[in-house]
Amino acid sequence: RRVAGPHQPPPPPPSRHEKSLGLLTTKFVSLLQEAKDGVLDLKAAADTLAVRQKRRIYDITNVLEGIDLIEKKSKNSIQWK
């Protein structure tokens, strides 16, 4: 994120589409596909995706876990099944 200077307006806030759960899920799955050894740290994912509420990440992981695509490796990491 850029910091506004004396002659620069602040960056616009993210649009509703940019914050949508569907788009966030797509980005999350991309991170998981690129993860080393197929294991993704949830805190790092939240930071990378600039998610203010970790609850959104947990919503995604709960659904993916519910349909048997991922499993928890530890408290803060998940992997493909």
PDB file of N, CA and C in Angstrom:
ATOM      1  N   ARG A   1       0.834  -1.186   0.000  1.00  0.00           N
ATOM      2  CA  ARG A   1       0.000   0.000   0.000  1.00  0.00           C
ATOM      3  C   ARG A   1       0.876   1.246   0.000  1.00  0.00           C
ATOM      4  N   ARG A   2       0.547   2.195  -0.819  1.00  0.00           N
ATOM      5  CA  ARG A   2       1.299   3.451  -0.854  1.00  0.00           C
ATOM      6  C   ARG A   2       0.799   4.384   0.224  1.00  0.00           C
ATOM      7  N   VAL A   3       1.734   5.164   0.717  1.00  0.00           N
ATOM      8  CA  VAL A   3       1.367   6.202   1.676  1.00  0.00           C
ATOM      9  C   VAL A   3       1.211   7.490   0.893  1.00  0.00           C
ATOM     10  N   ALA A   4       0.144   8.209   1.157  1.00  0.00           N
ATOM     11  CA  ALA A   4      -0.116   9.454   0.430  1.00  0.00           C
ATOM     12  C   ALA A   4       0.922  10.500   0.813  1.00  0.00           C
ATOM     13  N   GLY A   5       1.488  11.134  -0.186  1.00  0.00           N
ATOM     14  CA  GLY A   5       2.431  12.223   0.040  1.00  0.00           C
ATOM     15  C   GLY A   5       1.687  13.539   0.024  1.00  0.00           C
ATOM     16  N   PRO A   6       2.432  14.644   0.080  1.00  0.00           N
ATOM     17  CA  PRO A   6       1.769  15.948   0.118  1.00  0.00           C
ATOM     18  C   PRO A   6       0.959  16.251  -1.143  1.00  0.00           C
ATOM     19  N   HIS A   7       1.343  15.662  -2.287  1.00  0.00           N
ATOM     20  CA  HIS A   7       0.649  15.958  -3.548  1.00  0.00           C
ATOM     21  C   HIS A   7      -0.048  14.738  -4.133  1.00  0.00           C
ATOM     22  N   GLN A   8      -0.135  13.665  -3.340  1.00  0.00           N
ATOM     23  CA  GLN A   8      -0.768  12.454  -3.836  1.00  0.00           C
ATOM     24  C   GLN A   8      -2.021  12.158  -3.016  1.00  0.00           C
ATOM     25  N   PRO A   9      -3.117  11.886  -3.696  1.00  0.00           N
ATOM     26  CA  PRO A   9      -4.324  11.504  -2.945  1.00  0.00           C
ATOM     27  C   PRO A   9      -4.122  10.099  -2.373  1.00  0.00           C
ATOM     28  N   PRO A  10      -4.810   9.769  -1.300  1.00  0.00           N
ATOM     29  CA  PRO A  10      -4.681   8.414  -0.750  1.00  0.00           C
ATOM     30  C   PRO A  10      -5.232   7.402  -1.744  1.00  0.00           C
ATOM     31  N   PRO A  11      -4.717   6.168  -1.700  1.00  0.00           N
ATOM     32  CA  PRO A  11      -5.232   5.158  -2.634  1.00  0.00           C
ATOM     33  C   PRO A  11      -6.697   4.872  -2.326  1.00  0.00           C
ATOM     34  N   PRO A  12      -7.469   4.531  -3.350  1.00  0.00           N
ATOM     35  CA  PRO A  12      -8.894   4.253  -3.113  1.00  0.00           C
ATOM     36  C   PRO A  12      -9.045   2.989  -2.271  1.00  0.00           C
ATOM     37  N   PRO A  13     -10.086   2.917  -1.467  1.00  0.00           N
ATOM     38  CA  PRO A  13     -10.307   1.695  -0.683  1.00  0.00           C
ATOM     39  C   PRO A  13     -10.670   0.549  -1.621  1.00  0.00           C
ATOM     40  N   PRO A  14     -10.445  -0.697  -1.183  1.00  0.00           N
ATOM     41  CA  PRO A  14     -10.794  -1.829  -2.047  1.00  0.00           C
ATOM     42  C   PRO A  14     -12.290  -1.835  -2.354  1.00  0.00           C
ATOM     43  N   SER A  15     -12.614  -2.227  -3.578  1.00  0.00           N
ATOM     44  CA  SER A  15     -14.027  -2.296  -3.962  1.00  0.00           C
ATOM     45  C   SER A  15     -14.671  -3.526  -3.315  1.00  0.00           C
ATOM     46  N   ARG A  16     -15.986  -3.601  -3.392  1.00  0.00           N
ATOM     47  CA  ARG A  16     -16.696  -4.769  -2.845  1.00  0.00           C
ATOM     48  C   ARG A  16     -16.244  -6.043  -3.534  1.00  0.00           C
ATOM     49  N   HIS A  17     -16.003  -5.952  -4.857  1.00  0.00           N
ATOM     50  CA  HIS A  17     -15.562  -7.136  -5.599  1.00  0.00           C
ATOM     51  C   HIS A  17     -14.207  -7.609  -5.095  1.00  0.00           C
ATOM     52  N   GLU A  18     -13.305  -6.671  -4.841  1.00  0.00           N
ATOM     53  CA  GLU A  18     -11.955  -7.029  -4.387  1.00  0.00           C
ATOM     54  C   GLU A  18     -11.973  -7.676  -3.005  1.00  0.00           C
ATOM     55  N   LYS A  19     -13.023  -7.431  -2.234  1.00  0.00           N
ATOM     56  CA  LYS A  19     -13.131  -8.006  -0.894  1.00  0.00           C
ATOM     57  C   LYS A  19     -14.046  -9.225  -0.863  1.00  0.00           C
ATOM     58  N   SER A  20     -14.578  -9.636  -2.012  1.00  0.00           N
ATOM     59  CA  SER A  20     -15.559 -10.720  -2.034  1.00  0.00           C
ATOM     60  C   SER A  20     -14.938 -12.044  -1.596  1.00  0.00           C
ATOM     61  N   LEU A  21     -15.754 -12.874  -0.962  1.00  0.00           N
ATOM     62  CA  LEU A  21     -15.281 -14.162  -0.481  1.00  0.00           C
ATOM     63  C   LEU A  21     -14.876 -15.066  -1.645  1.00  0.00           C
ATOM     64  N   GLY A  22     -15.579 -14.958  -2.770  1.00  0.00           N
ATOM     65  CA  GLY A  22     -15.230 -15.766  -3.944  1.00  0.00           C
ATOM     66  C   GLY A  22     -13.851 -15.435  -4.475  1.00  0.00           C
ATOM     67  N   LEU A  23     -13.564 -14.153  -4.623  1.00  0.00           N
ATOM     68  CA  LEU A  23     -12.248 -13.735  -5.117  1.00  0.00           C
ATOM     69  C   LEU A  23     -11.164 -14.085  -4.101  1.00  0.00           C
ATOM     70  N   LEU A  24     -11.448 -13.888  -2.837  1.00  0.00           N
ATOM     71  CA  LEU A  24     -10.497 -14.227  -1.783  1.00  0.00           C
ATOM     72  C   LEU A  24     -10.198 -15.730  -1.795  1.00  0.00           C
ATOM     73  N   THR A  25     -11.214 -16.542  -2.033  1.00  0.00           N
ATOM     74  CA  THR A  25     -11.028 -17.994  -2.108  1.00  0.00           C
ATOM     75  C   THR A  25     -10.135 -18.364  -3.283  1.00  0.00           C
ATOM     76  N   THR A  26     -10.354 -17.735  -4.428  1.00  0.00           N
ATOM     77  CA  THR A  26      -9.518 -17.991  -5.602  1.00  0.00           C
ATOM     78  C   THR A  26      -8.058 -17.673  -5.301  1.00  0.00           C
ATOM     79  N   LYS A  27      -7.818 -16.530  -4.675  1.00  0.00           N
ATOM     80  CA  LYS A  27      -6.447 -16.138  -4.323  1.00  0.00           C
ATOM     81  C   LYS A  27      -5.854 -17.087  -3.283  1.00  0.00           C
ATOM     82  N   PHE A  28      -6.685 -17.510  -2.327  1.00  0.00           N
ATOM     83  CA  PHE A  28      -6.234 -18.432  -1.281  1.00  0.00           C
ATOM     84  C   PHE A  28      -5.805 -19.763  -1.901  1.00  0.00           C
ATOM     85  N   VAL A  29      -6.614 -20.301  -2.806  1.00  0.00           N
ATOM     86  CA  VAL A  29      -6.288 -21.573  -3.458  1.00  0.00           C
ATOM     87  C   VAL A  29      -5.004 -21.434  -4.272  1.00  0.00           C
ATOM     88  N   SER A  30      -4.802 -20.290  -4.917  1.00  0.00           N
ATOM     89  CA  SER A  30      -3.555 -20.056  -5.656  1.00  0.00           C
ATOM     90  C   SER A  30      -2.357 -20.095  -4.713  1.00  0.00           C
ATOM     91  N   LEU A  31      -2.491 -19.466  -3.549  1.00  0.00           N
ATOM     92  CA  LEU A  31      -1.411 -19.509  -2.556  1.00  0.00           C
ATOM     93  C   LEU A  31      -1.131 -20.945  -2.127  1.00  0.00           C
ATOM     94  N   LEU A  32      -2.180 -21.710  -1.912  1.00  0.00           N
ATOM     95  CA  LEU A  32      -2.018 -23.102  -1.490  1.00  0.00           C
ATOM     96  C   LEU A  32      -1.339 -23.925  -2.583  1.00  0.00           C
ATOM     97  N   GLN A  33      -1.681 -23.675  -3.843  1.00  0.00           N
ATOM     98  CA  GLN A  33      -1.056 -24.403  -4.948  1.00  0.00           C
ATOM     99  C   GLN A  33       0.431 -24.075  -5.064  1.00  0.00           C
ATOM    100  N   GLU A  34       0.809 -22.848  -4.697  1.00  0.00           N
ATOM    101  CA  GLU A  34       2.203 -22.420  -4.788  1.00  0.00           C
ATOM    102  C   GLU A  34       2.998 -22.728  -3.521  1.00  0.00           C
ATOM    103  N   ALA A  35       2.323 -23.182  -2.469  1.00  0.00           N
ATOM    104  CA  ALA A  35       2.972 -23.397  -1.175  1.00  0.00           C
ATOM    105  C   ALA A  35       4.013 -24.512  -1.240  1.00  0.00           C
ATOM    106  N   LYS A  36       5.112 -24.262  -0.533  1.00  0.00           N
ATOM    107  CA  LYS A  36       6.185 -25.248  -0.465  1.00  0.00           C
ATOM    108  C   LYS A  36       5.659 -26.499   0.235  1.00  0.00           C
ATOM    109  N   ASP A  37       5.888 -27.648  -0.357  1.00  0.00           N
ATOM    110  CA  ASP A  37       5.439 -28.938   0.178  1.00  0.00           C
ATOM    111  C   ASP A  37       3.921 -29.033   0.320  1.00  0.00           C
ATOM    112  N   GLY A  38       3.185 -28.120  -0.308  1.00  0.00           N
ATOM    113  CA  GLY A  38       1.733 -28.156  -0.239  1.00  0.00           C
ATOM    114  C   GLY A  38       1.154 -27.757   1.106  1.00  0.00           C
ATOM    115  N   VAL A  39       1.984 -27.167   1.978  1.00  0.00           N
ATOM    116  CA  VAL A  39       1.537 -26.746   3.310  1.00  0.00           C
ATOM    117  C   VAL A  39       1.492 -25.227   3.344  1.00  0.00           C
ATOM    118  N   LEU A  40       0.366 -24.679   3.773  1.00  0.00           N
ATOM    119  CA  LEU A  40       0.190 -23.228   3.807  1.00  0.00           C
ATOM    120  C   LEU A  40      -0.023 -22.755   5.234  1.00  0.00           C
ATOM    121  N   ASP A  41       0.778 -21.777   5.646  1.00  0.00           N
ATOM    122  CA  ASP A  41       0.627 -21.144   6.955  1.00  0.00           C
ATOM    123  C   ASP A  41      -0.506 -20.121   6.858  1.00  0.00           C
ATOM    124  N   LEU A  42      -1.505 -20.253   7.713  1.00  0.00           N
ATOM    125  CA  LEU A  42      -2.692 -19.399   7.618  1.00  0.00           C
ATOM    126  C   LEU A  42      -2.403 -17.947   7.979  1.00  0.00           C
ATOM    127  N   LYS A  43      -1.482 -17.711   8.906  1.00  0.00           N
ATOM    128  CA  LYS A  43      -1.140 -16.335   9.260  1.00  0.00           C
ATOM    129  C   LYS A  43      -0.448 -15.656   8.079  1.00  0.00           C
ATOM    130  N   ALA A  44       0.476 -16.367   7.442  1.00  0.00           N
ATOM    131  CA  ALA A  44       1.162 -15.817   6.272  1.00  0.00           C
ATOM    132  C   ALA A  44       0.165 -15.560   5.142  1.00  0.00           C
ATOM    133  N   ALA A  45      -0.794 -16.467   4.963  1.00  0.00           N
ATOM    134  CA  ALA A  45      -1.813 -16.288   3.922  1.00  0.00           C
ATOM    135  C   ALA A  45      -2.647 -15.048   4.207  1.00  0.00           C
ATOM    136  N   ALA A  46      -3.047 -14.861   5.455  1.00  0.00           N
ATOM    137  CA  ALA A  46      -3.842 -13.682   5.829  1.00  0.00           C
ATOM    138  C   ALA A  46      -3.053 -12.406   5.572  1.00  0.00           C
ATOM    139  N   ASP A  47      -1.756 -12.422   5.888  1.00  0.00           N
ATOM    140  CA  ASP A  47      -0.907 -11.252   5.644  1.00  0.00           C
ATOM    141  C   ASP A  47      -0.754 -10.996   4.147  1.00  0.00           C
ATOM    142  N   THR A  48      -0.476 -12.048   3.383  1.00  0.00           N
ATOM    143  CA  THR A  48      -0.290 -11.913   1.933  1.00  0.00           C
ATOM    144  C   THR A  48      -1.549 -11.390   1.254  1.00  0.00           C
ATOM    145  N   LEU A  49      -2.693 -11.879   1.687  1.00  0.00           N
ATOM    146  CA  LEU A  49      -3.965 -11.473   1.081  1.00  0.00           C
ATOM    147  C   LEU A  49      -4.515 -10.187   1.684  1.00  0.00           C
ATOM    148  N   ALA A  50      -3.789  -9.626   2.634  1.00  0.00           N
ATOM    149  CA  ALA A  50      -4.186  -8.368   3.302  1.00  0.00           C
ATOM    150  C   ALA A  50      -5.598  -8.469   3.875  1.00  0.00           C
ATOM    151  N   VAL A  51      -5.852  -9.576   4.553  1.00  0.00           N
ATOM    152  CA  VAL A  51      -7.158  -9.807   5.167  1.00  0.00           C
ATOM    153  C   VAL A  51      -7.155  -9.195   6.559  1.00  0.00           C
ATOM    154  N   ARG A  52      -8.088  -8.298   6.808  1.00  0.00           N
ATOM    155  CA  ARG A  52      -8.166  -7.658   8.126  1.00  0.00           C
ATOM    156  C   ARG A  52      -8.732  -8.608   9.167  1.00  0.00           C
ATOM    157  N   GLN A  53      -9.681  -9.428   8.748  1.00  0.00           N
ATOM    158  CA  GLN A  53     -10.321 -10.358   9.680  1.00  0.00           C
ATOM    159  C   GLN A  53      -9.927 -11.785   9.318  1.00  0.00           C
ATOM    160  N   LYS A  54      -9.225 -12.448  10.220  1.00  0.00           N
ATOM    161  CA  LYS A  54      -8.833 -13.833   9.963  1.00  0.00           C
ATOM    162  C   LYS A  54     -10.059 -14.731   9.818  1.00  0.00           C
ATOM    163  N   ARG A  55     -11.186 -14.273  10.324  1.00  0.00           N
ATOM    164  CA  ARG A  55     -12.425 -15.039  10.211  1.00  0.00           C
ATOM    165  C   ARG A  55     -12.711 -15.401   8.752  1.00  0.00           C
ATOM    166  N   ARG A  56     -12.376 -14.506   7.821  1.00  0.00           N
ATOM    167  CA  ARG A  56     -12.605 -14.779   6.389  1.00  0.00           C
ATOM    168  C   ARG A  56     -11.754 -15.966   5.930  1.00  0.00           C
ATOM    169  N   ILE A  57     -10.514 -16.034   6.410  1.00  0.00           N
ATOM    170  CA  ILE A  57      -9.638 -17.162   6.071  1.00  0.00           C
ATOM    171  C   ILE A  57     -10.226 -18.447   6.658  1.00  0.00           C
ATOM    172  N   TYR A  58     -10.706 -18.374   7.896  1.00  0.00           N
ATOM    173  CA  TYR A  58     -11.290 -19.556   8.530  1.00  0.00           C
ATOM    174  C   TYR A  58     -12.569 -19.991   7.818  1.00  0.00           C
ATOM    175  N   ASP A  59     -13.350 -19.057   7.309  1.00  0.00           N
ATOM    176  CA  ASP A  59     -14.541 -19.410   6.526  1.00  0.00           C
ATOM    177  C   ASP A  59     -14.136 -20.247   5.314  1.00  0.00           C
ATOM    178  N   ILE A  60     -13.088 -19.803   4.630  1.00  0.00           N
ATOM    179  CA  ILE A  60     -12.604 -20.518   3.440  1.00  0.00           C
ATOM    180  C   ILE A  60     -12.105 -21.906   3.824  1.00  0.00           C
ATOM    181  N   THR A  61     -11.252 -21.974   4.856  1.00  0.00           N
ATOM    182  CA  THR A  61     -10.680 -23.276   5.234  1.00  0.00           C
ATOM    183  C   THR A  61     -11.760 -24.236   5.735  1.00  0.00           C
ATOM    184  N   ASN A  62     -12.760 -23.727   6.444  1.00  0.00           N
ATOM    185  CA  ASN A  62     -13.830 -24.605   6.933  1.00  0.00           C
ATOM    186  C   ASN A  62     -14.617 -25.230   5.785  1.00  0.00           C
ATOM    187  N   VAL A  63     -14.883 -24.463   4.743  1.00  0.00           N
ATOM    188  CA  VAL A  63     -15.606 -25.006   3.587  1.00  0.00           C
ATOM    189  C   VAL A  63     -14.736 -26.016   2.846  1.00  0.00           C
ATOM    190  N   LEU A  64     -13.477 -25.661   2.581  1.00  0.00           N
ATOM    191  CA  LEU A  64     -12.586 -26.579   1.860  1.00  0.00           C
ATOM    192  C   LEU A  64     -12.343 -27.863   2.653  1.00  0.00           C
ATOM    193  N   GLU A  65     -12.289 -27.726   3.978  1.00  0.00           N
ATOM    194  CA  GLU A  65     -12.140 -28.907   4.834  1.00  0.00           C
ATOM    195  C   GLU A  65     -13.427 -29.737   4.820  1.00  0.00           C
ATOM    196  N   GLY A  66     -14.561 -29.065   4.807  1.00  0.00           N
ATOM    197  CA  GLY A  66     -15.852 -29.749   4.797  1.00  0.00           C
ATOM    198  C   GLY A  66     -16.089 -30.577   3.550  1.00  0.00           C
ATOM    199  N   ILE A  67     -15.501 -30.170   2.434  1.00  0.00           N
ATOM    200  CA  ILE A  67     -15.658 -30.935   1.189  1.00  0.00           C
ATOM    201  C   ILE A  67     -14.421 -31.791   0.902  1.00  0.00           C
ATOM    202  N   ASP A  68     -13.627 -32.028   1.941  1.00  0.00           N
ATOM    203  CA  ASP A  68     -12.473 -32.942   1.901  1.00  0.00           C
ATOM    204  C   ASP A  68     -11.390 -32.568   0.896  1.00  0.00           C
ATOM    205  N   LEU A  69     -11.167 -31.280   0.683  1.00  0.00           N
ATOM    206  CA  LEU A  69     -10.075 -30.864  -0.197  1.00  0.00           C
ATOM    207  C   LEU A  69      -8.797 -30.589   0.581  1.00  0.00           C
ATOM    208  N   ILE A  70      -8.948 -30.120   1.813  1.00  0.00           N
ATOM    209  CA  ILE A  70      -7.782 -29.803   2.635  1.00  0.00           C
ATOM    210  C   ILE A  70      -7.950 -30.426   4.012  1.00  0.00           C
ATOM    211  N   GLU A  71      -6.847 -30.448   4.762  1.00  0.00           N
ATOM    212  CA  GLU A  71      -6.876 -30.885   6.149  1.00  0.00           C
ATOM    213  C   GLU A  71      -5.928 -30.021   6.952  1.00  0.00           C
ATOM    214  N   LYS A  72      -6.198 -29.911   8.246  1.00  0.00           N
ATOM    215  CA  LYS A  72      -5.324 -29.141   9.121  1.00  0.00           C
ATOM    216  C   LYS A  72      -4.084 -29.965   9.412  1.00  0.00           C
ATOM    217  N   LYS A  73      -2.936 -29.346   9.226  1.00  0.00           N
ATOM    218  CA  LYS A  73      -1.674 -30.001   9.559  1.00  0.00           C
ATOM    219  C   LYS A  73      -1.313 -29.657  10.998  1.00  0.00           C
ATOM    220  N   SER A  74      -1.557 -28.413  11.375  1.00  0.00           N
ATOM    221  CA  SER A  74      -1.368 -27.944  12.747  1.00  0.00           C
ATOM    222  C   SER A  74      -2.385 -26.832  12.964  1.00  0.00           C
ATOM    223  N   LYS A  75      -2.300 -26.171  14.114  1.00  0.00           N
ATOM    224  CA  LYS A  75      -3.285 -25.133  14.430  1.00  0.00           C
ATOM    225  C   LYS A  75      -3.346 -24.049  13.357  1.00  0.00           C
ATOM    226  N   ASN A  76      -2.187 -23.640  12.837  1.00  0.00           N
ATOM    227  CA  ASN A  76      -2.141 -22.522  11.892  1.00  0.00           C
ATOM    228  C   ASN A  76      -1.686 -22.911  10.491  1.00  0.00           C
ATOM    229  N   SER A  77      -1.761 -24.175  10.140  1.00  0.00           N
ATOM    230  CA  SER A  77      -1.374 -24.548   8.780  1.00  0.00           C
ATOM    231  C   SER A  77      -2.296 -25.639   8.245  1.00  0.00           C
ATOM    232  N   ILE A  78      -2.452 -25.612   6.924  1.00  0.00           N
ATOM    233  CA  ILE A  78      -3.313 -26.578   6.242  1.00  0.00           C
ATOM    234  C   ILE A  78      -2.565 -27.144   5.041  1.00  0.00           C
ATOM    235  N   GLN A  79      -3.069 -28.250   4.516  1.00  0.00           N
ATOM    236  CA  GLN A  79      -2.482 -28.856   3.319  1.00  0.00           C
ATOM    237  C   GLN A  79      -3.574 -29.548   2.525  1.00  0.00           C
ATOM    238  N   TRP A  80      -3.269 -29.821   1.243  1.00  0.00           N
ATOM    239  CA  TRP A  80      -4.200 -30.579   0.409  1.00  0.00           C
ATOM    240  C   TRP A  80      -4.338 -31.974   0.983  1.00  0.00           C
ATOM    241  N   LYS A  81      -5.491 -32.577   0.813  1.00  0.00           N
ATOM    242  CA  LYS A  81      -5.701 -33.976   1.225  1.00  0.00           C
ATOM    243  C   LYS A  81      -5.190 -34.898   0.159  1.00  0.00           C
TER     244      LYS A  81
END
